Amino acid sequence: MPEMRFVIEWPSGEQQVCYSPSLVVKEHLDVGESYDLDDFVSRCRTALDIASERVFKKYGFPCSLARAEAARIASAAARFHGRSGAKVRVLRFVE
């Protein structure tokens, strides 16, 4: 199963490299696009849940790294809740 990473930029300007065990993230995020904070977290959670399910179907167990990444993204996003107009930008995909 091809894993990938995607690089994002938080509203603070800080960049973060995120992990996915599947290329499915490309179906939910677009490079160069900026997403409202809650929308971004939701898209990532959906993509990483699908990725974890794909791992389960192939290997018989869910991907704990995908679930941990979704939690890490949600935790990082929580720092910006309440900030008007907070957006997350997708910088690039790394395969």
PDB file of N, CA and C in Angstrom:
ATOM      1  N   MET A   1       0.855  -1.168   0.000  1.00  0.00           N
ATOM      2  CA  MET A   1       0.000   0.000   0.000  1.00  0.00           C
ATOM      3  C   MET A   1       0.903   1.235   0.000  1.00  0.00           C
ATOM      4  N   PRO A   2       0.730   2.119  -0.945  1.00  0.00           N
ATOM      5  CA  PRO A   2       1.614   3.293  -1.014  1.00  0.00           C
ATOM      6  C   PRO A   2       1.274   4.326   0.066  1.00  0.00           C
ATOM      7  N   GLU A   3       2.245   4.595   0.897  1.00  0.00           N
ATOM      8  CA  GLU A   3       2.044   5.626   1.913  1.00  0.00           C
ATOM      9  C   GLU A   3       2.482   6.970   1.357  1.00  0.00           C
ATOM     10  N   MET A   4       2.088   8.023   2.024  1.00  0.00           N
ATOM     11  CA  MET A   4       2.456   9.366   1.582  1.00  0.00           C
ATOM     12  C   MET A   4       2.496  10.302   2.769  1.00  0.00           C
ATOM     13  N   ARG A   5       3.045  11.462   2.510  1.00  0.00           N
ATOM     14  CA  ARG A   5       3.035  12.542   3.482  1.00  0.00           C
ATOM     15  C   ARG A   5       2.472  13.772   2.783  1.00  0.00           C
ATOM     16  N   PHE A   6       1.898  14.654   3.569  1.00  0.00           N
ATOM     17  CA  PHE A   6       1.413  15.914   3.021  1.00  0.00           C
ATOM     18  C   PHE A   6       1.830  17.023   3.968  1.00  0.00           C
ATOM     19  N   VAL A   7       2.263  18.126   3.378  1.00  0.00           N
ATOM     20  CA  VAL A   7       2.801  19.241   4.147  1.00  0.00           C
ATOM     21  C   VAL A   7       1.742  20.338   4.186  1.00  0.00           C
ATOM     22  N   ILE A   8       1.474  20.819   5.398  1.00  0.00           N
ATOM     23  CA  ILE A   8       0.458  21.850   5.588  1.00  0.00           C
ATOM     24  C   ILE A   8       1.055  23.060   6.293  1.00  0.00           C
ATOM     25  N   GLU A   9       0.326  24.154   6.193  1.00  0.00           N
ATOM     26  CA  GLU A   9       0.730  25.371   6.898  1.00  0.00           C
ATOM     27  C   GLU A   9      -0.450  25.830   7.757  1.00  0.00           C
ATOM     28  N   TRP A  10      -0.203  25.911   9.061  1.00  0.00           N
ATOM     29  CA  TRP A  10      -1.213  26.358  10.014  1.00  0.00           C
ATOM     30  C   TRP A  10      -1.384  27.874   9.936  1.00  0.00           C
ATOM     31  N   PRO A  11      -2.438  28.408  10.515  1.00  0.00           N
ATOM     32  CA  PRO A  11      -2.657  29.868  10.489  1.00  0.00           C
ATOM     33  C   PRO A  11      -1.483  30.679  11.059  1.00  0.00           C
ATOM     34  N   SER A  12      -0.696  30.071  11.913  1.00  0.00           N
ATOM     35  CA  SER A  12       0.460  30.743  12.513  1.00  0.00           C
ATOM     36  C   SER A  12       1.645  30.840  11.553  1.00  0.00           C
ATOM     37  N   GLY A  13       1.563  30.116  10.429  1.00  0.00           N
ATOM     38  CA  GLY A  13       2.685  30.047   9.492  1.00  0.00           C
ATOM     39  C   GLY A  13       3.554  28.824   9.708  1.00  0.00           C
ATOM     40  N   GLU A  14       3.333  28.130  10.819  1.00  0.00           N
ATOM     41  CA  GLU A  14       4.087  26.915  11.115  1.00  0.00           C
ATOM     42  C   GLU A  14       3.706  25.818  10.120  1.00  0.00           C
ATOM     43  N   GLN A  15       4.724  25.098   9.634  1.00  0.00           N
ATOM     44  CA  GLN A  15       4.481  23.996   8.714  1.00  0.00           C
ATOM     45  C   GLN A  15       4.543  22.678   9.468  1.00  0.00           C
ATOM     46  N   GLN A  16       3.766  21.715   9.003  1.00  0.00           N
ATOM     47  CA  GLN A  16       3.738  20.392   9.619  1.00  0.00           C
ATOM     48  C   GLN A  16       3.685  19.347   8.514  1.00  0.00           C
ATOM     49  N   VAL A  17       4.447  18.291   8.682  1.00  0.00           N
ATOM     50  CA  VAL A  17       4.407  17.156   7.770  1.00  0.00           C
ATOM     51  C   VAL A  17       3.478  16.114   8.394  1.00  0.00           C
ATOM     52  N   CYS A  18       2.471  15.704   7.627  1.00  0.00           N
ATOM     53  CA  CYS A  18       1.485  14.748   8.097  1.00  0.00           C
ATOM     54  C   CYS A  18       1.630  13.439   7.322  1.00  0.00           C
ATOM     55  N   TYR A  19       1.213  12.341   7.958  1.00  0.00           N
ATOM     56  CA  TYR A  19       1.382  11.005   7.388  1.00  0.00           C
ATOM     57  C   TYR A  19       0.038  10.392   7.017  1.00  0.00           C
ATOM     58  N   SER A  20       0.025   9.641   5.928  1.00  0.00           N
ATOM     59  CA  SER A  20      -1.114   8.805   5.562  1.00  0.00           C
ATOM     60  C   SER A  20      -0.586   7.491   4.997  1.00  0.00           C
ATOM     61  N   PRO A  21      -1.195   6.371   5.390  1.00  0.00           N
ATOM     62  CA  PRO A  21      -0.761   5.080   4.850  1.00  0.00           C
ATOM     63  C   PRO A  21      -1.319   4.819   3.451  1.00  0.00           C
ATOM     64  N   SER A  22      -2.048   5.778   2.907  1.00  0.00           N
ATOM     65  CA  SER A  22      -2.696   5.608   1.611  1.00  0.00           C
ATOM     66  C   SER A  22      -2.701   6.934   0.864  1.00  0.00           C
ATOM     67  N   LEU A  23      -2.818   6.872  -0.441  1.00  0.00           N
ATOM     68  CA  LEU A  23      -2.894   8.078  -1.267  1.00  0.00           C
ATOM     69  C   LEU A  23      -4.284   8.722  -1.239  1.00  0.00           C
ATOM     70  N   VAL A  24      -5.209   8.174  -0.477  1.00  0.00           N
ATOM     71  CA  VAL A  24      -6.585   8.659  -0.431  1.00  0.00           C
ATOM     72  C   VAL A  24      -6.673  10.134  -0.030  1.00  0.00           C
ATOM     73  N   VAL A  25      -5.682  10.641   0.654  1.00  0.00           N
ATOM     74  CA  VAL A  25      -5.677  12.056   1.057  1.00  0.00           C
ATOM     75  C   VAL A  25      -5.822  12.962  -0.165  1.00  0.00           C
ATOM     76  N   LYS A  26      -5.260  12.523  -1.291  1.00  0.00           N
ATOM     77  CA  LYS A  26      -5.337  13.320  -2.519  1.00  0.00           C
ATOM     78  C   LYS A  26      -6.772  13.498  -3.017  1.00  0.00           C
ATOM     79  N   GLU A  27      -7.669  12.643  -2.567  1.00  0.00           N
ATOM     80  CA  GLU A  27      -9.076  12.749  -2.944  1.00  0.00           C
ATOM     81  C   GLU A  27      -9.839  13.738  -2.057  1.00  0.00           C
ATOM     82  N   HIS A  28      -9.201  14.167  -0.962  1.00  0.00           N
ATOM     83  CA  HIS A  28      -9.879  15.011   0.019  1.00  0.00           C
ATOM     84  C   HIS A  28      -9.243  16.383   0.209  1.00  0.00           C
ATOM     85  N   LEU A  29      -7.996  16.520  -0.234  1.00  0.00           N
ATOM     86  CA  LEU A  29      -7.273  17.778  -0.109  1.00  0.00           C
ATOM     87  C   LEU A  29      -6.622  18.130  -1.443  1.00  0.00           C
ATOM     88  N   ASP A  30      -6.495  19.416  -1.718  1.00  0.00           N
ATOM     89  CA  ASP A  30      -5.846  19.886  -2.939  1.00  0.00           C
ATOM     90  C   ASP A  30      -4.653  20.766  -2.593  1.00  0.00           C
ATOM     91  N   VAL A  31      -3.540  20.524  -3.243  1.00  0.00           N
ATOM     92  CA  VAL A  31      -2.349  21.344  -3.052  1.00  0.00           C
ATOM     93  C   VAL A  31      -2.659  22.784  -3.449  1.00  0.00           C
ATOM     94  N   GLY A  32      -2.228  23.710  -2.596  1.00  0.00           N
ATOM     95  CA  GLY A  32      -2.441  25.128  -2.843  1.00  0.00           C
ATOM     96  C   GLY A  32      -3.739  25.659  -2.275  1.00  0.00           C
ATOM     97  N   GLU A  33      -4.621  24.769  -1.889  1.00  0.00           N
ATOM     98  CA  GLU A  33      -5.925  25.166  -1.348  1.00  0.00           C
ATOM     99  C   GLU A  33      -5.810  25.497   0.136  1.00  0.00           C
ATOM    100  N   SER A  34      -6.581  26.500   0.557  1.00  0.00           N
ATOM    101  CA  SER A  34      -6.690  26.838   1.974  1.00  0.00           C
ATOM    102  C   SER A  34      -8.075  26.445   2.451  1.00  0.00           C
ATOM    103  N   TYR A  35      -8.131  25.755   3.589  1.00  0.00           N
ATOM    104  CA  TYR A  35      -9.384  25.242   4.133  1.00  0.00           C
ATOM    105  C   TYR A  35      -9.675  25.879   5.488  1.00  0.00           C
ATOM    106  N   ASP A  36     -10.955  26.168   5.719  1.00  0.00           N
ATOM    107  CA  ASP A  36     -11.346  26.582   7.061  1.00  0.00           C
ATOM    108  C   ASP A  36     -10.928  25.484   8.026  1.00  0.00           C
ATOM    109  N   LEU A  37     -10.592  25.865   9.216  1.00  0.00           N
ATOM    110  CA  LEU A  37     -10.029  24.950  10.204  1.00  0.00           C
ATOM    111  C   LEU A  37     -10.878  23.694  10.404  1.00  0.00           C
ATOM    112  N   ASP A  38     -12.161  23.859  10.685  1.00  0.00           N
ATOM    113  CA  ASP A  38     -13.011  22.696  10.943  1.00  0.00           C
ATOM    114  C   ASP A  38     -13.163  21.824   9.706  1.00  0.00           C
ATOM    115  N   ASP A  39     -13.256  22.436   8.542  1.00  0.00           N
ATOM    116  CA  ASP A  39     -13.359  21.691   7.297  1.00  0.00           C
ATOM    117  C   ASP A  39     -12.093  20.868   7.079  1.00  0.00           C
ATOM    118  N   PHE A  40     -10.944  21.469   7.324  1.00  0.00           N
ATOM    119  CA  PHE A  40      -9.677  20.770   7.151  1.00  0.00           C
ATOM    120  C   PHE A  40      -9.591  19.552   8.073  1.00  0.00           C
ATOM    121  N   VAL A  41      -9.919  19.748   9.338  1.00  0.00           N
ATOM    122  CA  VAL A  41      -9.859  18.640  10.302  1.00  0.00           C
ATOM    123  C   VAL A  41     -10.813  17.531   9.879  1.00  0.00           C
ATOM    124  N   SER A  42     -12.001  17.894   9.443  1.00  0.00           N
ATOM    125  CA  SER A  42     -12.987  16.910   9.002  1.00  0.00           C
ATOM    126  C   SER A  42     -12.497  16.143   7.775  1.00  0.00           C
ATOM    127  N   ARG A  43     -11.940  16.851   6.806  1.00  0.00           N
ATOM    128  CA  ARG A  43     -11.417  16.196   5.597  1.00  0.00           C
ATOM    129  C   ARG A  43     -10.291  15.223   5.948  1.00  0.00           C
ATOM    130  N   CYS A  44      -9.407  15.652   6.823  1.00  0.00           N
ATOM    131  CA  CYS A  44      -8.296  14.778   7.230  1.00  0.00           C
ATOM    132  C   CYS A  44      -8.810  13.555   7.970  1.00  0.00           C
ATOM    133  N   ARG A  45      -9.738  13.763   8.888  1.00  0.00           N
ATOM    134  CA  ARG A  45     -10.287  12.640   9.642  1.00  0.00           C
ATOM    135  C   ARG A  45     -10.935  11.623   8.687  1.00  0.00           C
ATOM    136  N   THR A  46     -11.714  12.128   7.742  1.00  0.00           N
ATOM    137  CA  THR A  46     -12.366  11.241   6.768  1.00  0.00           C
ATOM    138  C   THR A  46     -11.329  10.473   5.953  1.00  0.00           C
ATOM    139  N   ALA A  47     -10.354  11.178   5.408  1.00  0.00           N
ATOM    140  CA  ALA A  47      -9.325  10.529   4.579  1.00  0.00           C
ATOM    141  C   ALA A  47      -8.520   9.516   5.381  1.00  0.00           C
ATOM    142  N   LEU A  48      -8.149   9.867   6.596  1.00  0.00           N
ATOM    143  CA  LEU A  48      -7.333   8.961   7.402  1.00  0.00           C
ATOM    144  C   LEU A  48      -8.141   7.773   7.917  1.00  0.00           C
ATOM    145  N   ASP A  49      -9.437   7.958   8.150  1.00  0.00           N
ATOM    146  CA  ASP A  49     -10.297   6.822   8.498  1.00  0.00           C
ATOM    147  C   ASP A  49     -10.386   5.846   7.321  1.00  0.00           C
ATOM    148  N   ILE A  50     -10.546   6.386   6.108  1.00  0.00           N
ATOM    149  CA  ILE A  50     -10.585   5.532   4.912  1.00  0.00           C
ATOM    150  C   ILE A  50      -9.253   4.804   4.745  1.00  0.00           C
ATOM    151  N   ALA A  51      -8.163   5.525   4.945  1.00  0.00           N
ATOM    152  CA  ALA A  51      -6.834   4.911   4.824  1.00  0.00           C
ATOM    153  C   ALA A  51      -6.670   3.777   5.832  1.00  0.00           C
ATOM    154  N   SER A  52      -7.104   4.010   7.057  1.00  0.00           N
ATOM    155  CA  SER A  52      -7.010   2.979   8.095  1.00  0.00           C
ATOM    156  C   SER A  52      -7.854   1.761   7.732  1.00  0.00           C
ATOM    157  N   GLU A  53      -9.036   2.004   7.170  1.00  0.00           N
ATOM    158  CA  GLU A  53      -9.909   0.911   6.739  1.00  0.00           C
ATOM    159  C   GLU A  53      -9.261   0.115   5.604  1.00  0.00           C
ATOM    160  N   ARG A  54      -8.574   0.795   4.706  1.00  0.00           N
ATOM    161  CA  ARG A  54      -7.875   0.090   3.616  1.00  0.00           C
ATOM    162  C   ARG A  54      -6.788  -0.819   4.173  1.00  0.00           C
ATOM    163  N   VAL A  55      -6.078  -0.328   5.184  1.00  0.00           N
ATOM    164  CA  VAL A  55      -5.061  -1.156   5.840  1.00  0.00           C
ATOM    165  C   VAL A  55      -5.733  -2.378   6.478  1.00  0.00           C
ATOM    166  N   PHE A  56      -6.867  -2.138   7.131  1.00  0.00           N
ATOM    167  CA  PHE A  56      -7.593  -3.236   7.770  1.00  0.00           C
ATOM    168  C   PHE A  56      -7.991  -4.306   6.748  1.00  0.00           C
ATOM    169  N   LYS A  57      -8.515  -3.862   5.613  1.00  0.00           N
ATOM    170  CA  LYS A  57      -8.943  -4.818   4.581  1.00  0.00           C
ATOM    171  C   LYS A  57      -7.764  -5.619   4.029  1.00  0.00           C
ATOM    172  N   LYS A  58      -6.614  -4.984   3.954  1.00  0.00           N
ATOM    173  CA  LYS A  58      -5.450  -5.664   3.387  1.00  0.00           C
ATOM    174  C   LYS A  58      -4.711  -6.535   4.404  1.00  0.00           C
ATOM    175  N   TYR A  59      -4.574  -6.028   5.645  1.00  0.00           N
ATOM    176  CA  TYR A  59      -3.728  -6.713   6.629  1.00  0.00           C
ATOM    177  C   TYR A  59      -4.485  -7.290   7.828  1.00  0.00           C
ATOM    178  N   GLY A  60      -5.775  -6.944   7.971  1.00  0.00           N
ATOM    179  CA  GLY A  60      -6.561  -7.491   9.069  1.00  0.00           C
ATOM    180  C   GLY A  60      -6.524  -6.689  10.360  1.00  0.00           C
ATOM    181  N   PHE A  61      -5.922  -5.519  10.316  1.00  0.00           N
ATOM    182  CA  PHE A  61      -5.919  -4.636  11.493  1.00  0.00           C
ATOM    183  C   PHE A  61      -5.904  -3.186  11.009  1.00  0.00           C
ATOM    184  N   PRO A  62      -6.535  -2.283  11.766  1.00  0.00           N
ATOM    185  CA  PRO A  62      -6.550  -0.878  11.352  1.00  0.00           C
ATOM    186  C   PRO A  62      -5.168  -0.241  11.527  1.00  0.00           C
ATOM    187  N   CYS A  63      -4.968   0.868  10.870  1.00  0.00           N
ATOM    188  CA  CYS A  63      -3.680   1.553  10.946  1.00  0.00           C
ATOM    189  C   CYS A  63      -3.662   2.514  12.134  1.00  0.00           C
ATOM    190  N   SER A  64      -2.922   2.165  13.145  1.00  0.00           N
ATOM    191  CA  SER A  64      -2.842   3.020  14.332  1.00  0.00           C
ATOM    192  C   SER A  64      -2.130   4.339  14.015  1.00  0.00           C
ATOM    193  N   LEU A  65      -1.228   4.336  13.042  1.00  0.00           N
ATOM    194  CA  LEU A  65      -0.542   5.581  12.678  1.00  0.00           C
ATOM    195  C   LEU A  65      -1.508   6.577  12.037  1.00  0.00           C
ATOM    196  N   ALA A  66      -2.442   6.087  11.224  1.00  0.00           N
ATOM    197  CA  ALA A  66      -3.434   6.975  10.609  1.00  0.00           C
ATOM    198  C   ALA A  66      -4.333   7.583  11.674  1.00  0.00           C
ATOM    199  N   ARG A  67      -4.760   6.775  12.611  1.00  0.00           N
ATOM    200  CA  ARG A  67      -5.628   7.272  13.686  1.00  0.00           C
ATOM    201  C   ARG A  67      -4.872   8.255  14.577  1.00  0.00           C
ATOM    202  N   ALA A  68      -3.623   7.971  14.843  1.00  0.00           N
ATOM    203  CA  ALA A  68      -2.817   8.885  15.653  1.00  0.00           C
ATOM    204  C   ALA A  68      -2.594  10.203  14.916  1.00  0.00           C
ATOM    205  N   GLU A  69      -2.408  10.137  13.602  1.00  0.00           N
ATOM    206  CA  GLU A  69      -2.206  11.360  12.816  1.00  0.00           C
ATOM    207  C   GLU A  69      -3.468  12.216  12.837  1.00  0.00           C
ATOM    208  N   ALA A  70      -4.629  11.593  12.699  1.00  0.00           N
ATOM    209  CA  ALA A  70      -5.890  12.349  12.761  1.00  0.00           C
ATOM    210  C   ALA A  70      -6.030  13.044  14.111  1.00  0.00           C
ATOM    211  N   ALA A  71      -5.675  12.360  15.182  1.00  0.00           N
ATOM    212  CA  ALA A  71      -5.737  12.954  16.521  1.00  0.00           C
ATOM    213  C   ALA A  71      -4.725  14.089  16.666  1.00  0.00           C
ATOM    214  N   ARG A  72      -3.549  13.911  16.097  1.00  0.00           N
ATOM    215  CA  ARG A  72      -2.504  14.952  16.177  1.00  0.00           C
ATOM    216  C   ARG A  72      -2.943  16.200  15.420  1.00  0.00           C
ATOM    217  N   ILE A  73      -3.567  16.017  14.255  1.00  0.00           N
ATOM    218  CA  ILE A  73      -4.065  17.149  13.469  1.00  0.00           C
ATOM    219  C   ILE A  73      -5.164  17.876  14.240  1.00  0.00           C
ATOM    220  N   ALA A  74      -6.098  17.124  14.813  1.00  0.00           N
ATOM    221  CA  ALA A  74      -7.193  17.736  15.581  1.00  0.00           C
ATOM    222  C   ALA A  74      -6.656  18.504  16.787  1.00  0.00           C
ATOM    223  N   SER A  75      -5.662  17.944  17.445  1.00  0.00           N
ATOM    224  CA  SER A  75      -5.061  18.603  18.609  1.00  0.00           C
ATOM    225  C   SER A  75      -4.353  19.897  18.209  1.00  0.00           C
ATOM    226  N   ALA A  76      -3.615  19.848  17.117  1.00  0.00           N
ATOM    227  CA  ALA A  76      -2.913  21.052  16.645  1.00  0.00           C
ATOM    228  C   ALA A  76      -3.924  22.122  16.215  1.00  0.00           C
ATOM    229  N   ALA A  77      -5.006  21.697  15.587  1.00  0.00           N
ATOM    230  CA  ALA A  77      -6.031  22.646  15.127  1.00  0.00           C
ATOM    231  C   ALA A  77      -6.725  23.334  16.293  1.00  0.00           C
ATOM    232  N   ALA A  78      -6.843  22.634  17.400  1.00  0.00           N
ATOM    233  CA  ALA A  78      -7.525  23.185  18.573  1.00  0.00           C
ATOM    234  C   ALA A  78      -6.864  24.482  19.063  1.00  0.00           C
ATOM    235  N   ARG A  79      -5.592  24.643  18.785  1.00  0.00           N
ATOM    236  CA  ARG A  79      -4.888  25.870  19.190  1.00  0.00           C
ATOM    237  C   ARG A  79      -5.453  27.109  18.507  1.00  0.00           C
ATOM    238  N   PHE A  80      -6.107  26.918  17.362  1.00  0.00           N
ATOM    239  CA  PHE A  80      -6.577  28.048  16.561  1.00  0.00           C
ATOM    240  C   PHE A  80      -8.088  28.240  16.608  1.00  0.00           C
ATOM    241  N   HIS A  81      -8.794  27.379  17.337  1.00  0.00           N
ATOM    242  CA  HIS A  81     -10.249  27.538  17.435  1.00  0.00           C
ATOM    243  C   HIS A  81     -10.570  28.881  18.080  1.00  0.00           C
ATOM    244  N   GLY A  82     -11.572  29.511  17.556  1.00  0.00           N
ATOM    245  CA  GLY A  82     -11.952  30.826  18.055  1.00  0.00           C
ATOM    246  C   GLY A  82     -11.254  31.953  17.327  1.00  0.00           C
ATOM    247  N   ARG A  83     -10.274  31.631  16.529  1.00  0.00           N
ATOM    248  CA  ARG A  83      -9.570  32.640  15.742  1.00  0.00           C
ATOM    249  C   ARG A  83     -10.339  32.847  14.441  1.00  0.00           C
ATOM    250  N   SER A  84     -10.862  34.013  14.257  1.00  0.00           N
ATOM    251  CA  SER A  84     -11.688  34.321  13.085  1.00  0.00           C
ATOM    252  C   SER A  84     -10.905  34.139  11.789  1.00  0.00           C
ATOM    253  N   GLY A  85     -11.502  33.412  10.849  1.00  0.00           N
ATOM    254  CA  GLY A  85     -10.894  33.240   9.531  1.00  0.00           C
ATOM    255  C   GLY A  85      -9.697  32.314   9.491  1.00  0.00           C
ATOM    256  N   ALA A  86      -9.501  31.505  10.542  1.00  0.00           N
ATOM    257  CA  ALA A  86      -8.344  30.602  10.583  1.00  0.00           C
ATOM    258  C   ALA A  86      -8.446  29.571   9.453  1.00  0.00           C
ATOM    259  N   LYS A  87      -7.367  29.476   8.675  1.00  0.00           N
ATOM    260  CA  LYS A  87      -7.324  28.537   7.546  1.00  0.00           C
ATOM    261  C   LYS A  87      -6.021  27.745   7.578  1.00  0.00           C
ATOM    262  N   VAL A  88      -6.108  26.559   7.011  1.00  0.00           N
ATOM    263  CA  VAL A  88      -4.945  25.681   6.866  1.00  0.00           C
ATOM    264  C   VAL A  88      -4.703  25.511   5.375  1.00  0.00           C
ATOM    265  N   ARG A  89      -3.462  25.713   4.969  1.00  0.00           N
ATOM    266  CA  ARG A  89      -3.118  25.594   3.551  1.00  0.00           C
ATOM    267  C   ARG A  89      -2.336  24.307   3.314  1.00  0.00           C
ATOM    268  N   VAL A  90      -2.687  23.610   2.247  1.00  0.00           N
ATOM    269  CA  VAL A  90      -1.968  22.397   1.847  1.00  0.00           C
ATOM    270  C   VAL A  90      -0.849  22.826   0.901  1.00  0.00           C
ATOM    271  N   LEU A  91       0.390  22.574   1.292  1.00  0.00           N
ATOM    272  CA  LEU A  91       1.543  23.025   0.526  1.00  0.00           C
ATOM    273  C   LEU A  91       1.978  22.026  -0.545  1.00  0.00           C
ATOM    274  N   ARG A  92       2.052  20.748  -0.173  1.00  0.00           N
ATOM    275  CA  ARG A  92       2.492  19.757  -1.154  1.00  0.00           C
ATOM    276  C   ARG A  92       2.240  18.339  -0.644  1.00  0.00           C
ATOM    277  N   PHE A  93       2.236  17.421  -1.591  1.00  0.00           N
ATOM    278  CA  PHE A  93       2.176  15.999  -1.302  1.00  0.00           C
ATOM    279  C   PHE A  93       3.566  15.424  -1.535  1.00  0.00           C
ATOM    280  N   VAL A  94       3.950  14.484  -0.698  1.00  0.00           N
ATOM    281  CA  VAL A  94       5.243  13.817  -0.828  1.00  0.00           C
ATOM    282  C   VAL A  94       4.973  12.315  -0.834  1.00  0.00           C
ATOM    283  N   GLU A  95       5.299  11.680  -1.950  1.00  0.00           N
ATOM    284  CA  GLU A  95       5.079  10.222  -2.055  1.00  0.00           C
ATOM    285  C   GLU A  95       6.384   9.490  -1.947  1.00  0.00           C
TER     286      GLU A  95
END
